[in-house]
C-alpha atoms as a PDB file:
ATOM      1  CA  UNK A   1     -19.342 -16.998   7.453  1.00  0.00           C
ATOM      2  CA  UNK A   2     -16.046 -15.922   5.861  1.00  0.00           C
ATOM      3  CA  UNK A   3     -17.195 -16.990   2.391  1.00  0.00           C
ATOM      4  CA  UNK A   4     -20.464 -15.115   2.799  1.00  0.00           C
ATOM      5  CA  UNK A   5     -18.645 -11.969   3.922  1.00  0.00           C
ATOM      6  CA  UNK A   6     -16.161 -12.294   1.042  1.00  0.00           C
ATOM      7  CA  UNK A   7     -18.989 -12.512  -1.511  1.00  0.00           C
ATOM      8  CA  UNK A   8     -20.753  -9.552   0.090  1.00  0.00           C
ATOM      9  CA  UNK A   9     -17.587  -7.444   0.149  1.00  0.00           C
ATOM     10  CA  UNK A  10     -16.730  -8.258  -3.457  1.00  0.00           C
ATOM     11  CA  UNK A  11     -20.248  -7.263  -4.519  1.00  0.00           C
ATOM     12  CA  UNK A  12     -19.971  -4.117  -2.403  1.00  0.00           C
ATOM     13  CA  UNK A  13     -16.682  -3.116  -4.028  1.00  0.00           C
ATOM     14  CA  UNK A  14     -17.956  -3.747  -7.550  1.00  0.00           C
ATOM     15  CA  UNK A  15     -20.957  -1.452  -7.125  1.00  0.00           C
ATOM     16  CA  UNK A  16     -18.758   1.652  -7.399  1.00  0.00           C
ATOM     17  CA  UNK A  17     -17.036   2.754 -10.628  1.00  0.00           C
ATOM     18  CA  UNK A  18     -13.911   3.822  -8.731  1.00  0.00           C
ATOM     19  CA  UNK A  19     -13.470   0.391  -7.184  1.00  0.00           C
ATOM     20  CA  UNK A  20     -14.118  -1.319 -10.507  1.00  0.00           C
ATOM     21  CA  UNK A  21     -11.246   0.727 -11.926  1.00  0.00           C
ATOM     22  CA  UNK A  22      -9.082  -0.442  -9.035  1.00  0.00           C
ATOM     23  CA  UNK A  23      -9.503  -4.030 -10.162  1.00  0.00           C
ATOM     24  CA  UNK A  24      -8.113  -3.274 -13.626  1.00  0.00           C
ATOM     25  CA  UNK A  25      -5.586  -0.756 -12.255  1.00  0.00           C
ATOM     26  CA  UNK A  26      -2.806  -3.388 -11.813  1.00  0.00           C
ATOM     27  CA  UNK A  27      -3.127  -4.392 -15.468  1.00  0.00           C
ATOM     28  CA  UNK A  28      -2.970  -0.763 -16.595  1.00  0.00           C
ATOM     29  CA  UNK A  29      -0.085   0.253 -14.318  1.00  0.00           C
ATOM     30  CA  UNK A  30       1.876  -2.946 -14.902  1.00  0.00           C
ATOM     31  CA  UNK A  31       1.400  -2.699 -18.658  1.00  0.00           C
ATOM     32  CA  UNK A  32       2.468   0.959 -18.696  1.00  0.00           C
ATOM     33  CA  UNK A  33       5.565   0.208 -16.626  1.00  0.00           C
ATOM     34  CA  UNK A  34       6.446  -2.734 -18.844  1.00  0.00           C
ATOM     35  CA  UNK A  35       6.062  -0.585 -21.970  1.00  0.00           C
ATOM     36  CA  UNK A  36       8.222   2.261 -20.635  1.00  0.00           C
ATOM     37  CA  UNK A  37      10.973  -0.062 -19.451  1.00  0.00           C
ATOM     38  CA  UNK A  38      10.999  -2.435 -22.436  1.00  0.00           C
ATOM     39  CA  UNK A  39      11.239   0.476 -24.881  1.00  0.00           C
ATOM     40  CA  UNK A  40      13.982   2.170 -22.825  1.00  0.00           C
ATOM     41  CA  UNK A  41      11.942   5.289 -22.167  1.00  0.00           C
ATOM     42  CA  UNK A  42      13.256   5.244 -18.610  1.00  0.00           C
ATOM     43  CA  UNK A  43      16.783   4.445 -17.469  1.00  0.00           C
ATOM     44  CA  UNK A  44      19.216   5.324 -14.710  1.00  0.00           C
ATOM     45  CA  UNK A  45      17.558   7.160 -11.837  1.00  0.00           C
ATOM     46  CA  UNK A  46      14.257   7.291 -13.724  1.00  0.00           C
ATOM     47  CA  UNK A  47      14.246   3.493 -13.941  1.00  0.00           C
ATOM     48  CA  UNK A  48      14.805   3.151 -10.207  1.00  0.00           C
ATOM     49  CA  UNK A  49      12.095   5.692  -9.390  1.00  0.00           C
ATOM     50  CA  UNK A  50       9.667   3.959 -11.757  1.00  0.00           C
ATOM     51  CA  UNK A  51      10.343   0.657 -10.013  1.00  0.00           C
ATOM     52  CA  UNK A  52       9.722   2.284  -6.620  1.00  0.00           C
ATOM     53  CA  UNK A  53       6.424   3.761  -7.773  1.00  0.00           C
ATOM     54  CA  UNK A  54       5.316   0.436  -9.222  1.00  0.00           C
ATOM     55  CA  UNK A  55       5.962  -1.165  -5.838  1.00  0.00           C
ATOM     56  CA  UNK A  56       4.359   1.365  -3.489  1.00  0.00           C
ATOM     57  CA  UNK A  57       1.426   2.930  -5.359  1.00  0.00           C
ATOM     58  CA  UNK A  58      -0.808  -0.125  -5.148  1.00  0.00           C
ATOM     59  CA  UNK A  59      -0.916  -0.274  -1.350  1.00  0.00           C
ATOM     60  CA  UNK A  60      -1.873   3.396  -1.152  1.00  0.00           C
ATOM     61  CA  UNK A  61      -4.514   3.127  -3.875  1.00  0.00           C
ATOM     62  CA  UNK A  62      -6.165   0.082  -2.336  1.00  0.00           C
ATOM     63  CA  UNK A  63      -6.029   1.809   1.042  1.00  0.00           C
ATOM     64  CA  UNK A  64      -8.064   4.644  -0.441  1.00  0.00           C
ATOM     65  CA  UNK A  65     -10.515   2.095  -1.840  1.00  0.00           C
ATOM     66  CA  UNK A  66     -10.931   0.430   1.567  1.00  0.00           C
ATOM     67  CA  UNK A  67     -11.212   3.822   3.250  1.00  0.00           C
ATOM     68  CA  UNK A  68     -14.038   5.000   1.012  1.00  0.00           C
ATOM     69  CA  UNK A  69     -15.788   1.646   1.378  1.00  0.00           C
ATOM     70  CA  UNK A  70     -15.792   2.156   5.152  1.00  0.00           C
ATOM     71  CA  UNK A  71     -17.054   5.714   4.649  1.00  0.00           C
ATOM     72  CA  UNK A  72     -19.942   4.313   2.595  1.00  0.00           C
ATOM     73  CA  UNK A  73     -20.764   1.901   5.414  1.00  0.00           C
ATOM     74  CA  UNK A  74     -20.824   4.753   7.891  1.00  0.00           C
ATOM     75  CA  UNK A  75     -23.102   6.809   5.631  1.00  0.00           C
ATOM     76  CA  UNK A  76     -25.427   3.805   5.233  1.00  0.00           C
ATOM     77  CA  UNK A  77     -25.471   3.281   9.023  1.00  0.00           C
ATOM     78  CA  UNK A  78     -24.011  -0.213   8.640  1.00  0.00           C
ATOM     79  CA  UNK A  79     -21.951   0.279  11.791  1.00  0.00           C
ATOM     80  CA  UNK A  80     -25.120   0.969  13.760  1.00  0.00           C
ATOM     81  CA  UNK A  81     -26.894  -2.061  12.302  1.00  0.00           C
ATOM     82  CA  UNK A  82     -24.007  -4.331  13.261  1.00  0.00           C
ATOM     83  CA  UNK A  83     -24.576  -3.535  16.925  1.00  0.00           C
ATOM     84  CA  UNK A  84     -27.360  -6.162  16.880  1.00  0.00           C
ATOM     85  CA  UNK A  85     -25.776  -8.472  14.291  1.00  0.00           C
ATOM     86  CA  UNK A  86     -24.279 -11.903  15.129  1.00  0.00           C
ATOM     87  CA  UNK A  87     -20.781 -10.670  14.217  1.00  0.00           C
ATOM     88  CA  UNK A  88     -18.898  -7.930  16.025  1.00  0.00           C
ATOM     89  CA  UNK A  89     -18.262  -4.541  14.449  1.00  0.00           C
ATOM     90  CA  UNK A  90     -14.496  -4.914  14.907  1.00  0.00           C
ATOM     91  CA  UNK A  91     -14.606  -8.284  13.125  1.00  0.00           C
ATOM     92  CA  UNK A  92     -16.509  -6.754  10.217  1.00  0.00           C
ATOM     93  CA  UNK A  93     -14.129  -3.793   9.914  1.00  0.00           C
ATOM     94  CA  UNK A  94     -11.009  -5.935  10.007  1.00  0.00           C
ATOM     95  CA  UNK A  95     -12.468  -8.392   7.507  1.00  0.00           C
ATOM     96  CA  UNK A  96     -13.145  -5.577   5.034  1.00  0.00           C
ATOM     97  CA  UNK A  97      -9.678  -4.117   5.465  1.00  0.00           C
ATOM     98  CA  UNK A  98      -7.827  -7.452   5.329  1.00  0.00           C
ATOM     99  CA  UNK A  99      -9.844  -8.535   2.288  1.00  0.00           C
ATOM    100  CA  UNK A 100      -8.700  -5.409   0.455  1.00  0.00           C
ATOM    101  CA  UNK A 101      -5.175  -5.919   1.808  1.00  0.00           C
ATOM    102  CA  UNK A 102      -5.010  -9.352   0.157  1.00  0.00           C
ATOM    103  CA  UNK A 103      -6.164  -7.817  -3.128  1.00  0.00           C
ATOM    104  CA  UNK A 104      -3.405  -5.209  -2.761  1.00  0.00           C
ATOM    105  CA  UNK A 105      -0.770  -7.911  -2.166  1.00  0.00           C
ATOM    106  CA  UNK A 106      -1.820  -9.772  -5.303  1.00  0.00           C
ATOM    107  CA  UNK A 107      -1.939  -6.594  -7.363  1.00  0.00           C
ATOM    108  CA  UNK A 108       1.423  -5.341  -6.129  1.00  0.00           C
ATOM    109  CA  UNK A 109       3.011  -8.724  -6.834  1.00  0.00           C
ATOM    110  CA  UNK A 110       1.619  -8.683 -10.353  1.00  0.00           C
ATOM    111  CA  UNK A 111       2.862  -5.160 -11.067  1.00  0.00           C
ATOM    112  CA  UNK A 112       6.391  -5.779  -9.762  1.00  0.00           C
ATOM    113  CA  UNK A 113       6.581  -9.121 -11.551  1.00  0.00           C
ATOM    114  CA  UNK A 114       5.243  -7.999 -14.925  1.00  0.00           C
ATOM    115  CA  UNK A 115       7.454  -4.916 -15.205  1.00  0.00           C
ATOM    116  CA  UNK A 116      10.549  -7.103 -14.893  1.00  0.00           C
ATOM    117  CA  UNK A 117      12.756  -4.292 -13.620  1.00  0.00           C
ATOM    118  CA  UNK A 118      14.773  -6.667 -11.492  1.00  0.00           C
ATOM    119  CA  UNK A 119      15.117 -10.380 -10.937  1.00  0.00           C
ATOM    120  CA  UNK A 120      13.993 -11.565  -7.533  1.00  0.00           C
ATOM    121  CA  UNK A 121      12.831 -14.895  -6.179  1.00  0.00           C
ATOM    122  CA  UNK A 122       9.067 -15.238  -5.856  1.00  0.00           C
ATOM    123  CA  UNK A 123       9.398 -15.227  -2.058  1.00  0.00           C
ATOM    124  CA  UNK A 124      11.190 -11.865  -2.077  1.00  0.00           C
ATOM    125  CA  UNK A 125       8.595 -10.406  -4.439  1.00  0.00           C
ATOM    126  CA  UNK A 126       5.875 -11.537  -2.046  1.00  0.00           C
ATOM    127  CA  UNK A 127       7.706  -9.864   0.852  1.00  0.00           C
ATOM    128  CA  UNK A 128       7.890  -6.557  -1.025  1.00  0.00           C
ATOM    129  CA  UNK A 129       4.232  -6.835  -2.035  1.00  0.00           C
ATOM    130  CA  UNK A 130       3.066  -7.745   1.474  1.00  0.00           C
ATOM    131  CA  UNK A 131       5.025  -4.856   2.984  1.00  0.00           C
ATOM    132  CA  UNK A 132       3.843  -2.313   0.424  1.00  0.00           C
ATOM    133  CA  UNK A 133       0.250  -3.473   0.867  1.00  0.00           C
ATOM    134  CA  UNK A 134       0.371  -2.626   4.588  1.00  0.00           C
ATOM    135  CA  UNK A 135      -0.413   0.899   3.444  1.00  0.00           C
ATOM    136  CA  UNK A 136      -3.920  -0.429   2.721  1.00  0.00           C
ATOM    137  CA  UNK A 137      -5.162  -0.729   6.335  1.00  0.00           C
ATOM    138  CA  UNK A 138      -3.117   2.315   7.343  1.00  0.00           C
ATOM    139  CA  UNK A 139      -4.643   4.652   4.741  1.00  0.00           C
ATOM    140  CA  UNK A 140      -8.121   3.179   5.277  1.00  0.00           C
ATOM    141  CA  UNK A 141      -8.024   3.918   9.002  1.00  0.00           C
ATOM    142  CA  UNK A 142      -6.449   7.364   8.534  1.00  0.00           C
ATOM    143  CA  UNK A 143      -9.205   8.397   6.114  1.00  0.00           C
ATOM    144  CA  UNK A 144     -11.925   7.228   8.495  1.00  0.00           C
ATOM    145  CA  UNK A 145     -10.245   8.743  11.537  1.00  0.00           C
ATOM    146  CA  UNK A 146     -10.202  12.264  10.086  1.00  0.00           C
ATOM    147  CA  UNK A 147     -13.074  12.330   7.588  1.00  0.00           C
ATOM    148  CA  UNK A 148     -16.819  12.312   8.150  1.00  0.00           C
ATOM    149  CA  UNK A 149     -17.843  12.206   4.489  1.00  0.00           C
ATOM    150  CA  UNK A 150     -16.398  11.587   1.029  1.00  0.00           C
ATOM    151  CA  UNK A 151     -15.394  15.219   0.488  1.00  0.00           C
ATOM    152  CA  UNK A 152     -13.329  15.212   3.660  1.00  0.00           C
ATOM    153  CA  UNK A 153     -12.134  11.744   2.676  1.00  0.00           C
ATOM    154  CA  UNK A 154     -10.664  13.052  -0.590  1.00  0.00           C
ATOM    155  CA  UNK A 155      -8.923  15.876   1.258  1.00  0.00           C
ATOM    156  CA  UNK A 156      -7.466  13.439   3.789  1.00  0.00           C
ATOM    157  CA  UNK A 157      -6.405  11.055   1.034  1.00  0.00           C
ATOM    158  CA  UNK A 158      -4.611  13.836  -0.871  1.00  0.00           C
ATOM    159  CA  UNK A 159      -2.840  14.985   2.288  1.00  0.00           C
ATOM    160  CA  UNK A 160      -1.702  11.436   3.036  1.00  0.00           C
ATOM    161  CA  UNK A 161      -0.635  11.084  -0.594  1.00  0.00           C
ATOM    162  CA  UNK A 162       2.131  13.613  -0.015  1.00  0.00           C
ATOM    163  CA  UNK A 163       3.936  10.865   1.903  1.00  0.00           C
ATOM    164  CA  UNK A 164       4.460   9.081  -1.428  1.00  0.00           C
ATOM    165  CA  UNK A 165       6.947  11.801  -2.371  1.00  0.00           C
ATOM    166  CA  UNK A 166       9.310  10.890   0.461  1.00  0.00           C
ATOM    167  CA  UNK A 167      10.298   7.422  -0.820  1.00  0.00           C
ATOM    168  CA  UNK A 168      11.075   8.975  -4.191  1.00  0.00           C
ATOM    169  CA  UNK A 169      13.293  11.585  -2.533  1.00  0.00           C
ATOM    170  CA  UNK A 170      15.069   8.861  -0.564  1.00  0.00           C
ATOM    171  CA  UNK A 171      16.205   7.252  -3.815  1.00  0.00           C
ATOM    172  CA  UNK A 172      18.937   9.881  -4.150  1.00  0.00           C
ATOM    173  CA  UNK A 173      20.439   9.191  -0.719  1.00  0.00           C
ATOM    174  CA  UNK A 174      22.218   6.022   0.339  1.00  0.00           C
ATOM    175  CA  UNK A 175      23.902   7.431   3.429  1.00  0.00           C
ATOM    176  CA  UNK A 176      22.505   8.499   6.798  1.00  0.00           C
ATOM    177  CA  UNK A 177      20.400  11.218   5.149  1.00  0.00           C
ATOM    178  CA  UNK A 178      18.000   8.587   3.863  1.00  0.00           C
ATOM    179  CA  UNK A 179      16.545   8.304   7.384  1.00  0.00           C
ATOM    180  CA  UNK A 180      15.061  11.773   6.959  1.00  0.00           C
ATOM    181  CA  UNK A 181      12.526  10.109   4.650  1.00  0.00           C
ATOM    182  CA  UNK A 182      11.872   7.036   6.799  1.00  0.00           C
ATOM    183  CA  UNK A 183       8.723   8.515   8.334  1.00  0.00           C
ATOM    184  CA  UNK A 184       6.816   7.518   5.182  1.00  0.00           C
ATOM    185  CA  UNK A 185       5.355   3.987   5.350  1.00  0.00           C
ATOM    186  CA  UNK A 186       6.266   3.449   1.693  1.00  0.00           C
ATOM    187  CA  UNK A 187       9.946   4.240   2.403  1.00  0.00           C
ATOM    188  CA  UNK A 188      10.690   0.685   3.516  1.00  0.00           C
ATOM    189  CA  UNK A 189       9.434  -1.307   0.524  1.00  0.00           C
ATOM    190  CA  UNK A 190      10.886   1.387  -1.752  1.00  0.00           C
ATOM    191  CA  UNK A 191      14.365   0.990  -0.241  1.00  0.00           C
ATOM    192  CA  UNK A 192      14.087  -2.805  -0.450  1.00  0.00           C
ATOM    193  CA  UNK A 193      13.320  -2.363  -4.145  1.00  0.00           C
ATOM    194  CA  UNK A 194      16.282  -0.011  -4.534  1.00  0.00           C
ATOM    195  CA  UNK A 195      18.573  -2.501  -2.796  1.00  0.00           C
ATOM    196  CA  UNK A 196      17.509  -5.251  -5.173  1.00  0.00           C
ATOM    197  CA  UNK A 197      18.198  -3.012  -8.184  1.00  0.00           C
ATOM    198  CA  UNK A 198      21.621  -1.965  -6.884  1.00  0.00           C
ATOM    199  CA  UNK A 199      22.616  -5.375  -5.535  1.00  0.00           C
ATOM    200  CA  UNK A 200      25.160  -6.118  -8.316  1.00  0.00           C
ATOM    201  CA  UNK A 201      27.065  -2.909  -7.445  1.00  0.00           C
ATOM    202  CA  UNK A 202      26.628  -3.561  -3.717  1.00  0.00           C
ATOM    203  CA  UNK A 203      28.010  -7.093  -4.045  1.00  0.00           C
ATOM    204  CA  UNK A 204      31.102  -5.794  -5.846  1.00  0.00           C
ATOM    205  CA  UNK A 205      31.662  -3.052  -3.248  1.00  0.00           C
ATOM    206  CA  UNK A 206      31.064  -0.145  -5.627  1.00  0.00           C
ATOM    207  CA  UNK A 207      28.312   1.299  -3.459  1.00  0.00           C
ATOM    208  CA  UNK A 208      26.802   0.546  -0.062  1.00  0.00           C
ATOM    209  CA  UNK A 209      23.468   1.013   1.696  1.00  0.00           C
ATOM    210  CA  UNK A 210      22.673   1.343   5.370  1.00  0.00           C
ATOM    211  CA  UNK A 211      20.712  -1.920   5.544  1.00  0.00           C
ATOM    212  CA  UNK A 212      20.334  -5.040   3.453  1.00  0.00           C
ATOM    213  CA  UNK A 213      17.175  -6.208   1.681  1.00  0.00           C
ATOM    214  CA  UNK A 214      15.760  -8.253   4.555  1.00  0.00           C
ATOM    215  CA  UNK A 215      16.560  -5.626   7.172  1.00  0.00           C
ATOM    216  CA  UNK A 216      14.565  -3.015   5.235  1.00  0.00           C
ATOM    217  CA  UNK A 217      11.732  -5.550   4.975  1.00  0.00           C
ATOM    218  CA  UNK A 218      11.795  -6.540   8.663  1.00  0.00           C
ATOM    219  CA  UNK A 219      11.980  -2.992  10.020  1.00  0.00           C
ATOM    220  CA  UNK A 220       9.358  -1.940   7.491  1.00  0.00           C
ATOM    221  CA  UNK A 221       6.899  -4.526   8.773  1.00  0.00           C
ATOM    222  CA  UNK A 222       7.504  -3.483  12.383  1.00  0.00           C
ATOM    223  CA  UNK A 223       7.142   0.234  11.611  1.00  0.00           C
ATOM    224  CA  UNK A 224       4.032  -0.143   9.445  1.00  0.00           C
ATOM    225  CA  UNK A 225       2.309  -2.395  11.968  1.00  0.00           C
ATOM    226  CA  UNK A 226       3.012   0.206  14.647  1.00  0.00           C
ATOM    227  CA  UNK A 227       1.462   2.918  12.457  1.00  0.00           C
ATOM    228  CA  UNK A 228      -1.563   0.719  11.726  1.00  0.00           C
ATOM    229  CA  UNK A 229      -2.101   0.103  15.436  1.00  0.00           C
ATOM    230  CA  UNK A 230      -1.987   3.852  16.140  1.00  0.00           C
ATOM    231  CA  UNK A 231      -4.269   4.668  13.186  1.00  0.00           C
ATOM    232  CA  UNK A 232      -6.802   2.019  14.203  1.00  0.00           C
ATOM    233  CA  UNK A 233      -6.814   3.330  17.763  1.00  0.00           C
ATOM    234  CA  UNK A 234      -7.464   6.858  16.516  1.00  0.00           C
ATOM    235  CA  UNK A 235     -10.177   5.588  14.170  1.00  0.00           C
ATOM    236  CA  UNK A 236     -11.948   3.771  17.026  1.00  0.00           C
ATOM    237  CA  UNK A 237     -11.714   6.798  19.310  1.00  0.00           C
ATOM    238  CA  UNK A 238     -13.030   9.247  16.707  1.00  0.00           C
ATOM    239  CA  UNK A 239     -15.936   6.949  15.804  1.00  0.00           C
ATOM    240  CA  UNK A 240     -16.773   5.700  19.308  1.00  0.00           C
ATOM    241  CA  UNK A 241     -16.197   2.061  18.388  1.00  0.00           C
END
């Protein structure tokens, strides 16, 4: 059953030019980041911000992909058809979203790894990627909670995209003022990335941050899962699921 659904979902994603681009997007973004960093086109604050963007953009982008895939299903009355199918509608929805989430984790890991901005163990890179990719189900459910078609979906996606600015703004604050930006789901993986970049200075006592790497990761998972739960509840209510 899972293999059949995976094949179907992969075929479904590849039928759209936008989603095809999403599959090569990690190569493009990772290659661009690698080029800019290797040739010293970015340094200092720009280097840190570039690293943040590399880490958090993938989860948002794949969330948009999952969101529009669900919108297509709604337009094609797939949700209605599943009422008499052997699998539940909730199972189908979560499979689609989690399938895209896994793609986002792999893509985010690749981007962070290939840019080589900082040296982290593979386990820590996976943690950052898994946390950043939690934006995938969140954005997917937000789009489908507030949009009835693709036009409204684009508007909702652009509005949600404004949240990507907050992690970038938080880069310039290491004191209590950074919590003003913590409402953004991407804040937590972004600050974990910043901690890893600044760790040599932190270890020598030159600078300090409010939390350590694993605390940003742990609280980030808790906060993002809470947002996903709320977004899924709103999505179900708005679509009578």
